[in-house]
Amino acid sequence: MTILIDGRPATTEDLTHQALVNYGAYTSFRVEQGGVRGLDLHLTRLEQAAVELFGESPGEAELRRLMALAVDGRDACWLRVSLFAPEIGHRNPSFVGRPRVMTVVSPPPPPLATSMRVTTVPHVREAAHLKHVATFGQTRARRAARAAGFDDVLFIDDQGCVSEGATWNIGFIQGDRIVWPQALMLAGVTQSLIQRGLEEAGLSSEIRPVRLDEAGTLDGAFLCNAATPVCPITAIGDVTFAADPAILSRLERAWSSQPPQPVAV
């Protein structure tokens, strides 16, 4: 694992701040032959989060430069890009300015699973539209789900509608149509990549509220994130789904039809 801060080796002081202050945002993804699927979406996510959380963005050119420096010619790796400001602490949160950029390079992780059984809990992540570093609620809910015999957890809002998983998005299958939940949640990059390729894969889609009590009327469900492009969900609580290999293959084709975009410009 290699950790750089603004392109230089991380210091103990840098990492101490990261350990003690969980204010920041990040994105993470697989690098394939110097490219990243959905790099434009990851860059937009970072820039928007930087402006919202710190008041200023490092800018796309600088983010690309630091990503390329971190990857340093590696053929394949996992890259996490985080934004933080050492000037911001629990007693002094008022700093406005450009955040620092931490890059962490590690081996690509395996997919979450080949299939998932999930339970549900009422929960909406704080600032759900951001991929931020405050993950206590997600980790606690996932621990409880596994203690109850499930693989993971799916969040439900106060209206009884499905939103997102602990670290993934969910899509439902209704014939040849993919139904994406409409709720307070993170817009996933992998979800967007699948969406971009659906027409080519012969599928259509819609975004609408999906109530939990409606799940049993749908044909199937799957999860997706950067490490796991498509994984069937075989149960949500007591509701079970049969995985359809043909539909899952078309979803994987929709994702893979979006080629990696080069990090270096």
C-alpha atoms as a PDB file:
ATOM      1  CA  MET A   1       0.000   0.000   0.000  1.00  0.00           C
ATOM      2  CA  THR A   2       1.299   3.453  -0.945  1.00  0.00           C
ATOM      3  CA  ILE A   3      -0.112   6.627   0.626  1.00  0.00           C
ATOM      4  CA  LEU A   4       0.659  10.068  -0.771  1.00  0.00           C
ATOM      5  CA  ILE A   5      -0.572  13.492   0.332  1.00  0.00           C
ATOM      6  CA  ASP A   6      -0.571  16.009  -2.522  1.00  0.00           C
ATOM      7  CA  GLY A   7       1.878  13.714  -4.300  1.00  0.00           C
ATOM      8  CA  ARG A   8       4.357  13.375  -1.411  1.00  0.00           C
ATOM      9  CA  PRO A   9       4.764  10.545   1.118  1.00  0.00           C
ATOM     10  CA  ALA A  10       2.245  10.886   3.943  1.00  0.00           C
ATOM     11  CA  THR A  11       3.625  12.056   7.279  1.00  0.00           C
ATOM     12  CA  THR A  12       2.607  10.888  10.743  1.00  0.00           C
ATOM     13  CA  GLU A  13       0.943  14.274  11.265  1.00  0.00           C
ATOM     14  CA  ASP A  14      -1.132  13.831   8.086  1.00  0.00           C
ATOM     15  CA  LEU A  15      -2.304  10.393   9.123  1.00  0.00           C
ATOM     16  CA  THR A  16      -2.973  11.439  12.720  1.00  0.00           C
ATOM     17  CA  HIS A  17      -5.424  14.072  11.506  1.00  0.00           C
ATOM     18  CA  GLN A  18      -7.133  11.511   9.265  1.00  0.00           C
ATOM     19  CA  ALA A  19      -7.444   9.113  12.194  1.00  0.00           C
ATOM     20  CA  LEU A  20      -8.924  11.688  14.581  1.00  0.00           C
ATOM     21  CA  VAL A  21     -11.143  13.863  12.344  1.00  0.00           C
ATOM     22  CA  ASN A  22     -13.658  12.113  10.112  1.00  0.00           C
ATOM     23  CA  TYR A  23     -14.520  15.129   7.961  1.00  0.00           C
ATOM     24  CA  GLY A  24     -13.876  14.616   4.279  1.00  0.00           C
ATOM     25  CA  ALA A  25     -14.941  12.905   1.096  1.00  0.00           C
ATOM     26  CA  TYR A  26     -13.475  10.285  -1.178  1.00  0.00           C
ATOM     27  CA  THR A  27     -13.984   8.070  -4.183  1.00  0.00           C
ATOM     28  CA  SER A  28     -12.360   4.744  -5.027  1.00  0.00           C
ATOM     29  CA  PHE A  29     -12.050   2.623  -8.132  1.00  0.00           C
ATOM     30  CA  ARG A  30     -10.142  -0.006 -10.075  1.00  0.00           C
ATOM     31  CA  VAL A  31      -7.371   1.149 -12.411  1.00  0.00           C
ATOM     32  CA  GLU A  32      -7.050  -0.977 -15.552  1.00  0.00           C
ATOM     33  CA  GLN A  33      -4.062  -0.402 -17.874  1.00  0.00           C
ATOM     34  CA  GLY A  34      -3.835   3.234 -16.864  1.00  0.00           C
ATOM     35  CA  GLY A  35      -7.555   3.868 -17.241  1.00  0.00           C
ATOM     36  CA  VAL A  36     -10.665   4.014 -15.071  1.00  0.00           C
ATOM     37  CA  ARG A  37     -14.240   3.235 -16.036  1.00  0.00           C
ATOM     38  CA  GLY A  38     -16.342   6.307 -15.282  1.00  0.00           C
ATOM     39  CA  LEU A  39     -13.351   8.512 -14.487  1.00  0.00           C
ATOM     40  CA  ASP A  40     -15.391  11.556 -15.526  1.00  0.00           C
ATOM     41  CA  LEU A  41     -17.994  10.644 -12.901  1.00  0.00           C
ATOM     42  CA  HIS A  42     -15.394  10.116 -10.179  1.00  0.00           C
ATOM     43  CA  LEU A  43     -13.814  13.493 -10.949  1.00  0.00           C
ATOM     44  CA  THR A  44     -17.203  15.225 -10.860  1.00  0.00           C
ATOM     45  CA  ARG A  45     -17.961  13.547  -7.521  1.00  0.00           C
ATOM     46  CA  LEU A  46     -14.697  14.805  -6.017  1.00  0.00           C
ATOM     47  CA  GLU A  47     -15.041  18.330  -7.370  1.00  0.00           C
ATOM     48  CA  GLN A  48     -18.625  18.735  -6.163  1.00  0.00           C
ATOM     49  CA  ALA A  49     -17.807  17.319  -2.733  1.00  0.00           C
ATOM     50  CA  ALA A  50     -14.757  19.594  -2.425  1.00  0.00           C
ATOM     51  CA  VAL A  51     -16.803  22.723  -3.091  1.00  0.00           C
ATOM     52  CA  GLU A  52     -19.589  21.656  -0.732  1.00  0.00           C
ATOM     53  CA  LEU A  53     -17.356  20.555   2.157  1.00  0.00           C
ATOM     54  CA  PHE A  54     -14.398  22.939   1.839  1.00  0.00           C
ATOM     55  CA  GLY A  55     -15.520  25.791  -0.395  1.00  0.00           C
ATOM     56  CA  GLU A  56     -12.938  25.129  -3.103  1.00  0.00           C
ATOM     57  CA  SER A  57     -11.844  22.300  -5.387  1.00  0.00           C
ATOM     58  CA  PRO A  58      -8.297  21.279  -6.323  1.00  0.00           C
ATOM     59  CA  GLY A  59      -9.542  21.229  -9.921  1.00  0.00           C
ATOM     60  CA  GLU A  60      -9.723  18.412 -12.454  1.00  0.00           C
ATOM     61  CA  ALA A  61      -6.210  18.932 -13.817  1.00  0.00           C
ATOM     62  CA  GLU A  62      -4.628  18.679 -10.368  1.00  0.00           C
ATOM     63  CA  LEU A  63      -6.713  15.662  -9.398  1.00  0.00           C
ATOM     64  CA  ARG A  64      -5.676  13.894 -12.591  1.00  0.00           C
ATOM     65  CA  ARG A  65      -2.020  14.779 -11.989  1.00  0.00           C
ATOM     66  CA  LEU A  66      -2.088  13.343  -8.488  1.00  0.00           C
ATOM     67  CA  MET A  67      -3.942  10.218  -9.623  1.00  0.00           C
ATOM     68  CA  ALA A  68      -1.407   9.604 -12.387  1.00  0.00           C
ATOM     69  CA  LEU A  69       1.457  10.136  -9.936  1.00  0.00           C
ATOM     70  CA  ALA A  70      -0.089   7.672  -7.496  1.00  0.00           C
ATOM     71  CA  VAL A  71      -0.666   5.003 -10.132  1.00  0.00           C
ATOM     72  CA  ASP A  72       2.879   5.507 -11.498  1.00  0.00           C
ATOM     73  CA  GLY A  73       2.658   3.119 -14.432  1.00  0.00           C
ATOM     74  CA  ARG A  74       0.957   0.263 -12.554  1.00  0.00           C
ATOM     75  CA  ASP A  75      -0.979  -2.027 -14.886  1.00  0.00           C
ATOM     76  CA  ALA A  76      -3.735  -2.738 -12.352  1.00  0.00           C
ATOM     77  CA  CYS A  77      -4.456  -1.462  -8.865  1.00  0.00           C
ATOM     78  CA  TRP A  78      -7.107  -0.004  -6.592  1.00  0.00           C
ATOM     79  CA  LEU A  79      -6.979   3.750  -6.049  1.00  0.00           C
ATOM     80  CA  ARG A  80      -8.728   5.691  -3.312  1.00  0.00           C
ATOM     81  CA  VAL A  81      -8.680   9.487  -3.603  1.00  0.00           C
ATOM     82  CA  SER A  82      -9.629  11.372  -0.430  1.00  0.00           C
ATOM     83  CA  LEU A  83     -10.094  15.065   0.333  1.00  0.00           C
ATOM     84  CA  PHE A  84      -9.334  16.518   3.772  1.00  0.00           C
ATOM     85  CA  ALA A  85      -8.194  19.722   5.414  1.00  0.00           C
ATOM     86  CA  PRO A  86      -5.872  19.620   8.452  1.00  0.00           C
ATOM     87  CA  GLU A  87      -7.151  23.102   9.345  1.00  0.00           C
ATOM     88  CA  ILE A  88     -10.585  21.603  10.123  1.00  0.00           C
ATOM     89  CA  GLY A  89     -11.094  20.015  13.538  1.00  0.00           C
ATOM     90  CA  HIS A  90     -13.868  19.448  16.028  1.00  0.00           C
ATOM     91  CA  ARG A  91     -13.187  22.777  17.773  1.00  0.00           C
ATOM     92  CA  ASN A  92     -12.228  24.746  14.666  1.00  0.00           C
ATOM     93  CA  PRO A  93     -14.475  23.743  11.747  1.00  0.00           C
ATOM     94  CA  SER A  94     -14.576  27.068   9.893  1.00  0.00           C
ATOM     95  CA  PHE A  95     -11.702  26.778   7.414  1.00  0.00           C
ATOM     96  CA  VAL A  96     -12.629  27.573   3.804  1.00  0.00           C
ATOM     97  CA  GLY A  97     -10.133  26.743   1.079  1.00  0.00           C
ATOM     98  CA  ARG A  98      -8.607  24.090  -1.097  1.00  0.00           C
ATOM     99  CA  PRO A  99      -8.475  20.650   0.549  1.00  0.00           C
ATOM    100  CA  ARG A 100      -5.460  18.393   0.465  1.00  0.00           C
ATOM    101  CA  VAL A 101      -5.589  15.228  -1.616  1.00  0.00           C
ATOM    102  CA  MET A 102      -4.671  11.820  -0.248  1.00  0.00           C
ATOM    103  CA  THR A 103      -4.141   8.951  -2.688  1.00  0.00           C
ATOM    104  CA  VAL A 104      -3.953   5.351  -1.492  1.00  0.00           C
ATOM    105  CA  VAL A 105      -2.857   2.619  -3.888  1.00  0.00           C
ATOM    106  CA  SER A 106      -3.482  -1.032  -3.007  1.00  0.00           C
ATOM    107  CA  PRO A 107      -4.129  -4.331  -4.801  1.00  0.00           C
ATOM    108  CA  PRO A 108      -7.571  -4.611  -6.464  1.00  0.00           C
ATOM    109  CA  PRO A 109     -10.068  -6.134  -4.006  1.00  0.00           C
ATOM    110  CA  PRO A 110     -12.229  -9.133  -4.899  1.00  0.00           C
ATOM    111  CA  PRO A 111     -15.972  -8.661  -5.503  1.00  0.00           C
ATOM    112  CA  LEU A 112     -18.134  -8.439  -2.393  1.00  0.00           C
ATOM    113  CA  ALA A 113     -19.760 -11.798  -3.160  1.00  0.00           C
ATOM    114  CA  THR A 114     -21.257 -13.956  -5.903  1.00  0.00           C
ATOM    115  CA  SER A 115     -24.716 -13.598  -4.352  1.00  0.00           C
ATOM    116  CA  MET A 116     -26.180 -11.719  -1.381  1.00  0.00           C
ATOM    117  CA  ARG A 117     -28.892 -12.228   1.215  1.00  0.00           C
ATOM    118  CA  VAL A 118     -29.691  -8.913   2.869  1.00  0.00           C
ATOM    119  CA  THR A 119     -31.810  -7.646   5.702  1.00  0.00           C
ATOM    120  CA  THR A 120     -33.290  -4.162   5.979  1.00  0.00           C
ATOM    121  CA  VAL A 121     -33.022  -1.414   8.573  1.00  0.00           C
ATOM    122  CA  PRO A 122     -34.505   2.091   8.710  1.00  0.00           C
ATOM    123  CA  HIS A 123     -31.539   4.358   8.073  1.00  0.00           C
ATOM    124  CA  VAL A 124     -30.574   7.358   5.956  1.00  0.00           C
ATOM    125  CA  ARG A 125     -26.891   8.236   5.810  1.00  0.00           C
ATOM    126  CA  GLU A 126     -25.976  11.749   6.885  1.00  0.00           C
ATOM    127  CA  ALA A 127     -25.478  13.890   3.746  1.00  0.00           C
ATOM    128  CA  ALA A 128     -26.478  10.818   1.758  1.00  0.00           C
ATOM    129  CA  HIS A 129     -25.624  12.405  -1.604  1.00  0.00           C
ATOM    130  CA  LEU A 130     -21.932  12.511  -0.605  1.00  0.00           C
ATOM    131  CA  LYS A 131     -19.401   9.690  -0.476  1.00  0.00           C
ATOM    132  CA  HIS A 132     -17.962  10.906   2.809  1.00  0.00           C
ATOM    133  CA  VAL A 133     -15.689   9.318   5.379  1.00  0.00           C
ATOM    134  CA  ALA A 134     -18.171   9.176   8.290  1.00  0.00           C
ATOM    135  CA  THR A 135     -19.169   5.512   8.016  1.00  0.00           C
ATOM    136  CA  PHE A 136     -20.094   4.589  11.602  1.00  0.00           C
ATOM    137  CA  GLY A 137     -23.774   4.013  10.807  1.00  0.00           C
ATOM    138  CA  GLN A 138     -23.042   1.820   7.800  1.00  0.00           C
ATOM    139  CA  THR A 139     -20.506  -0.340   9.604  1.00  0.00           C
ATOM    140  CA  ARG A 140     -22.712  -0.763  12.664  1.00  0.00           C
ATOM    141  CA  ALA A 141     -25.697  -1.781  10.515  1.00  0.00           C
ATOM    142  CA  ARG A 142     -23.597  -4.243   8.513  1.00  0.00           C
ATOM    143  CA  ARG A 143     -22.251  -5.834  11.716  1.00  0.00           C
ATOM    144  CA  ALA A 144     -25.798  -6.276  13.016  1.00  0.00           C
ATOM    145  CA  ALA A 145     -26.924  -7.797   9.709  1.00  0.00           C
ATOM    146  CA  ARG A 146     -24.139 -10.374   9.752  1.00  0.00           C
ATOM    147  CA  ALA A 147     -24.782 -11.195  13.400  1.00  0.00           C
ATOM    148  CA  ALA A 148     -28.386 -11.944  12.364  1.00  0.00           C
ATOM    149  CA  GLY A 149     -27.215 -14.361   9.671  1.00  0.00           C
ATOM    150  CA  PHE A 150     -27.401 -12.121   6.594  1.00  0.00           C
ATOM    151  CA  ASP A 151     -24.621 -11.048   4.259  1.00  0.00           C
ATOM    152  CA  ASP A 152     -25.303  -7.321   4.267  1.00  0.00           C
ATOM    153  CA  VAL A 153     -27.828  -4.590   4.922  1.00  0.00           C
ATOM    154  CA  LEU A 154     -30.232  -2.568   2.786  1.00  0.00           C
ATOM    155  CA  PHE A 155     -31.430   0.828   4.010  1.00  0.00           C
ATOM    156  CA  ILE A 156     -35.079   1.896   4.074  1.00  0.00           C
ATOM    157  CA  ASP A 157     -36.200   5.498   4.545  1.00  0.00           C
ATOM    158  CA  ASP A 158     -38.952   6.775   6.849  1.00  0.00           C
ATOM    159  CA  GLN A 159     -41.507   6.384   4.048  1.00  0.00           C
ATOM    160  CA  GLY A 160     -40.776   2.668   3.753  1.00  0.00           C
ATOM    161  CA  CYS A 161     -38.877   3.119   0.491  1.00  0.00           C
ATOM    162  CA  VAL A 162     -35.651   1.380  -0.488  1.00  0.00           C
ATOM    163  CA  SER A 163     -32.594   3.615  -0.840  1.00  0.00           C
ATOM    164  CA  GLU A 164     -29.140   1.953  -0.900  1.00  0.00           C
ATOM    165  CA  GLY A 165     -26.975  -0.691   0.667  1.00  0.00           C
ATOM    166  CA  ALA A 166     -24.167  -0.099   3.133  1.00  0.00           C
ATOM    167  CA  THR A 167     -21.588   0.374   0.357  1.00  0.00           C
ATOM    168  CA  TRP A 168     -23.541  -0.314  -2.826  1.00  0.00           C
ATOM    169  CA  ASN A 169     -26.509   0.623  -4.955  1.00  0.00           C
ATOM    170  CA  ILE A 170     -29.438  -1.662  -5.653  1.00  0.00           C
ATOM    171  CA  GLY A 171     -31.359  -2.190  -8.860  1.00  0.00           C
ATOM    172  CA  PHE A 172     -34.555  -4.183  -9.334  1.00  0.00           C
ATOM    173  CA  ILE A 173     -35.479  -6.265 -12.372  1.00  0.00           C
ATOM    174  CA  GLN A 174     -38.960  -6.121 -13.873  1.00  0.00           C
ATOM    175  CA  GLY A 175     -38.976  -8.019 -17.152  1.00  0.00           C
ATOM    176  CA  ASP A 176     -36.553  -6.216 -19.458  1.00  0.00           C
ATOM    177  CA  ARG A 177     -36.695  -3.058 -17.359  1.00  0.00           C
ATOM    178  CA  ILE A 178     -34.329  -2.041 -14.564  1.00  0.00           C
ATOM    179  CA  VAL A 179     -35.949  -0.088 -11.736  1.00  0.00           C
ATOM    180  CA  TRP A 180     -33.602   2.181  -9.785  1.00  0.00           C
ATOM    181  CA  PRO A 181     -34.869   3.442  -6.402  1.00  0.00           C
ATOM    182  CA  GLN A 182     -35.567   7.143  -6.010  1.00  0.00           C
ATOM    183  CA  ALA A 183     -34.561   8.200  -2.495  1.00  0.00           C
ATOM    184  CA  LEU A 184     -31.925  10.081  -0.509  1.00  0.00           C
ATOM    185  CA  MET A 185     -28.810   8.136  -1.440  1.00  0.00           C
ATOM    186  CA  LEU A 186     -25.427   8.255  -3.149  1.00  0.00           C
ATOM    187  CA  ALA A 187     -25.505   8.260  -6.952  1.00  0.00           C
ATOM    188  CA  GLY A 188     -23.148   5.376  -7.658  1.00  0.00           C
ATOM    189  CA  VAL A 189     -20.613   5.508 -10.463  1.00  0.00           C
ATOM    190  CA  THR A 190     -21.082   1.824 -11.304  1.00  0.00           C
ATOM    191  CA  GLN A 191     -24.838   2.338 -11.327  1.00  0.00           C
ATOM    192  CA  SER A 192     -24.361   5.188 -13.824  1.00  0.00           C
ATOM    193  CA  LEU A 193     -22.061   3.068 -16.003  1.00  0.00           C
ATOM    194  CA  ILE A 194     -24.643   0.294 -16.150  1.00  0.00           C
ATOM    195  CA  GLN A 195     -27.311   2.874 -16.957  1.00  0.00           C
ATOM    196  CA  ARG A 196     -25.204   4.235 -19.843  1.00  0.00           C
ATOM    197  CA  GLY A 197     -24.979   0.766 -21.407  1.00  0.00           C
ATOM    198  CA  LEU A 198     -28.512  -0.529 -20.848  1.00  0.00           C
ATOM    199  CA  GLU A 199     -29.873   0.353 -24.276  1.00  0.00           C
ATOM    200  CA  GLU A 200     -26.999  -1.442 -25.999  1.00  0.00           C
ATOM    201  CA  ALA A 201     -27.750  -4.488 -23.831  1.00  0.00           C
ATOM    202  CA  GLY A 202     -31.413  -4.414 -24.855  1.00  0.00           C
ATOM    203  CA  LEU A 203     -32.715  -3.182 -21.529  1.00  0.00           C
ATOM    204  CA  SER A 204     -34.658  -0.094 -20.450  1.00  0.00           C
ATOM    205  CA  SER A 205     -34.904   1.601 -17.068  1.00  0.00           C
ATOM    206  CA  GLU A 206     -36.818   3.918 -14.827  1.00  0.00           C
ATOM    207  CA  ILE A 207     -36.126   5.737 -11.565  1.00  0.00           C
ATOM    208  CA  ARG A 208     -38.976   5.812  -9.060  1.00  0.00           C
ATOM    209  CA  PRO A 209     -39.723   5.239  -5.381  1.00  0.00           C
ATOM    210  CA  VAL A 210     -39.678   1.510  -4.574  1.00  0.00           C
ATOM    211  CA  ARG A 211     -41.494   0.574  -1.402  1.00  0.00           C
ATOM    212  CA  LEU A 212     -40.146  -2.382   0.553  1.00  0.00           C
ATOM    213  CA  ASP A 213     -43.562  -4.045   0.481  1.00  0.00           C
ATOM    214  CA  GLU A 214     -43.401  -3.924  -3.339  1.00  0.00           C
ATOM    215  CA  ALA A 215     -40.173  -5.930  -3.574  1.00  0.00           C
ATOM    216  CA  GLY A 216     -41.971  -9.288  -3.752  1.00  0.00           C
ATOM    217  CA  THR A 217     -43.800  -8.242  -6.938  1.00  0.00           C
ATOM    218  CA  LEU A 218     -40.529  -7.664  -8.825  1.00  0.00           C
ATOM    219  CA  ASP A 219     -38.586 -10.324 -10.713  1.00  0.00           C
ATOM    220  CA  GLY A 220     -35.178  -9.855  -9.164  1.00  0.00           C
ATOM    221  CA  ALA A 221     -32.616  -7.573  -7.602  1.00  0.00           C
ATOM    222  CA  PHE A 222     -28.892  -6.949  -7.835  1.00  0.00           C
ATOM    223  CA  LEU A 223     -26.259  -4.777  -6.216  1.00  0.00           C
ATOM    224  CA  CYS A 224     -23.429  -2.871  -7.812  1.00  0.00           C
ATOM    225  CA  ASN A 225     -20.376  -0.898  -6.735  1.00  0.00           C
ATOM    226  CA  ALA A 226     -16.865  -0.249  -8.029  1.00  0.00           C
ATOM    227  CA  ALA A 227     -15.510  -3.582  -6.793  1.00  0.00           C
ATOM    228  CA  THR A 228     -18.633  -5.566  -7.721  1.00  0.00           C
ATOM    229  CA  PRO A 229     -20.172  -4.511 -11.044  1.00  0.00           C
ATOM    230  CA  VAL A 230     -23.128  -6.905 -10.757  1.00  0.00           C
ATOM    231  CA  CYS A 231     -24.072  -9.308  -7.951  1.00  0.00           C
ATOM    232  CA  PRO A 232     -27.498 -10.944  -7.601  1.00  0.00           C
ATOM    233  CA  ILE A 233     -29.469 -10.353  -4.430  1.00  0.00           C
ATOM    234  CA  THR A 234     -31.219 -13.629  -3.665  1.00  0.00           C
ATOM    235  CA  ALA A 235     -33.184 -12.450  -0.639  1.00  0.00           C
ATOM    236  CA  ILE A 236     -34.352  -9.251   1.030  1.00  0.00           C
ATOM    237  CA  GLY A 237     -35.500 -10.391   4.435  1.00  0.00           C
ATOM    238  CA  ASP A 238     -38.129 -13.074   3.813  1.00  0.00           C
ATOM    239  CA  VAL A 239     -38.568 -12.170   0.136  1.00  0.00           C
ATOM    240  CA  THR A 240     -36.526 -14.430  -2.143  1.00  0.00           C
ATOM    241  CA  PHE A 241     -35.479 -13.955  -5.765  1.00  0.00           C
ATOM    242  CA  ALA A 242     -34.274 -16.422  -8.358  1.00  0.00           C
ATOM    243  CA  ALA A 243     -31.140 -15.145 -10.082  1.00  0.00           C
ATOM    244  CA  ASP A 244     -31.612 -14.915 -13.866  1.00  0.00           C
ATOM    245  CA  PRO A 245     -28.206 -15.555 -15.481  1.00  0.00           C
ATOM    246  CA  ALA A 246     -29.344 -14.086 -18.814  1.00  0.00           C
ATOM    247  CA  ILE A 247     -30.367 -10.728 -17.314  1.00  0.00           C
ATOM    248  CA  LEU A 248     -27.285 -10.610 -15.108  1.00  0.00           C
ATOM    249  CA  SER A 249     -25.090 -11.238 -18.139  1.00  0.00           C
ATOM    250  CA  ARG A 250     -26.783  -8.356 -19.978  1.00  0.00           C
ATOM    251  CA  LEU A 251     -26.214  -6.076 -16.991  1.00  0.00           C
ATOM    252  CA  GLU A 252     -22.523  -7.026 -16.919  1.00  0.00           C
ATOM    253  CA  ARG A 253     -22.386  -6.318 -20.659  1.00  0.00           C
ATOM    254  CA  ALA A 254     -23.932  -2.889 -20.080  1.00  0.00           C
ATOM    255  CA  TRP A 255     -21.209  -2.116 -17.535  1.00  0.00           C
ATOM    256  CA  SER A 256     -18.302  -3.531 -19.563  1.00  0.00           C
ATOM    257  CA  SER A 257     -19.408  -1.624 -22.678  1.00  0.00           C
ATOM    258  CA  GLN A 258     -18.157   1.543 -20.989  1.00  0.00           C
ATOM    259  CA  PRO A 259     -14.392   1.573 -21.661  1.00  0.00           C
ATOM    260  CA  PRO A 260     -11.761   2.788 -19.188  1.00  0.00           C
ATOM    261  CA  GLN A 261     -10.882   6.461 -19.577  1.00  0.00           C
ATOM    262  CA  PRO A 262      -7.158   7.342 -19.342  1.00  0.00           C
ATOM    263  CA  VAL A 263      -6.052   8.972 -16.097  1.00  0.00           C
ATOM    264  CA  ALA A 264      -3.235  10.937 -17.704  1.00  0.00           C
ATOM    265  CA  VAL A 265      -4.202  13.604 -20.224  1.00  0.00           C
END
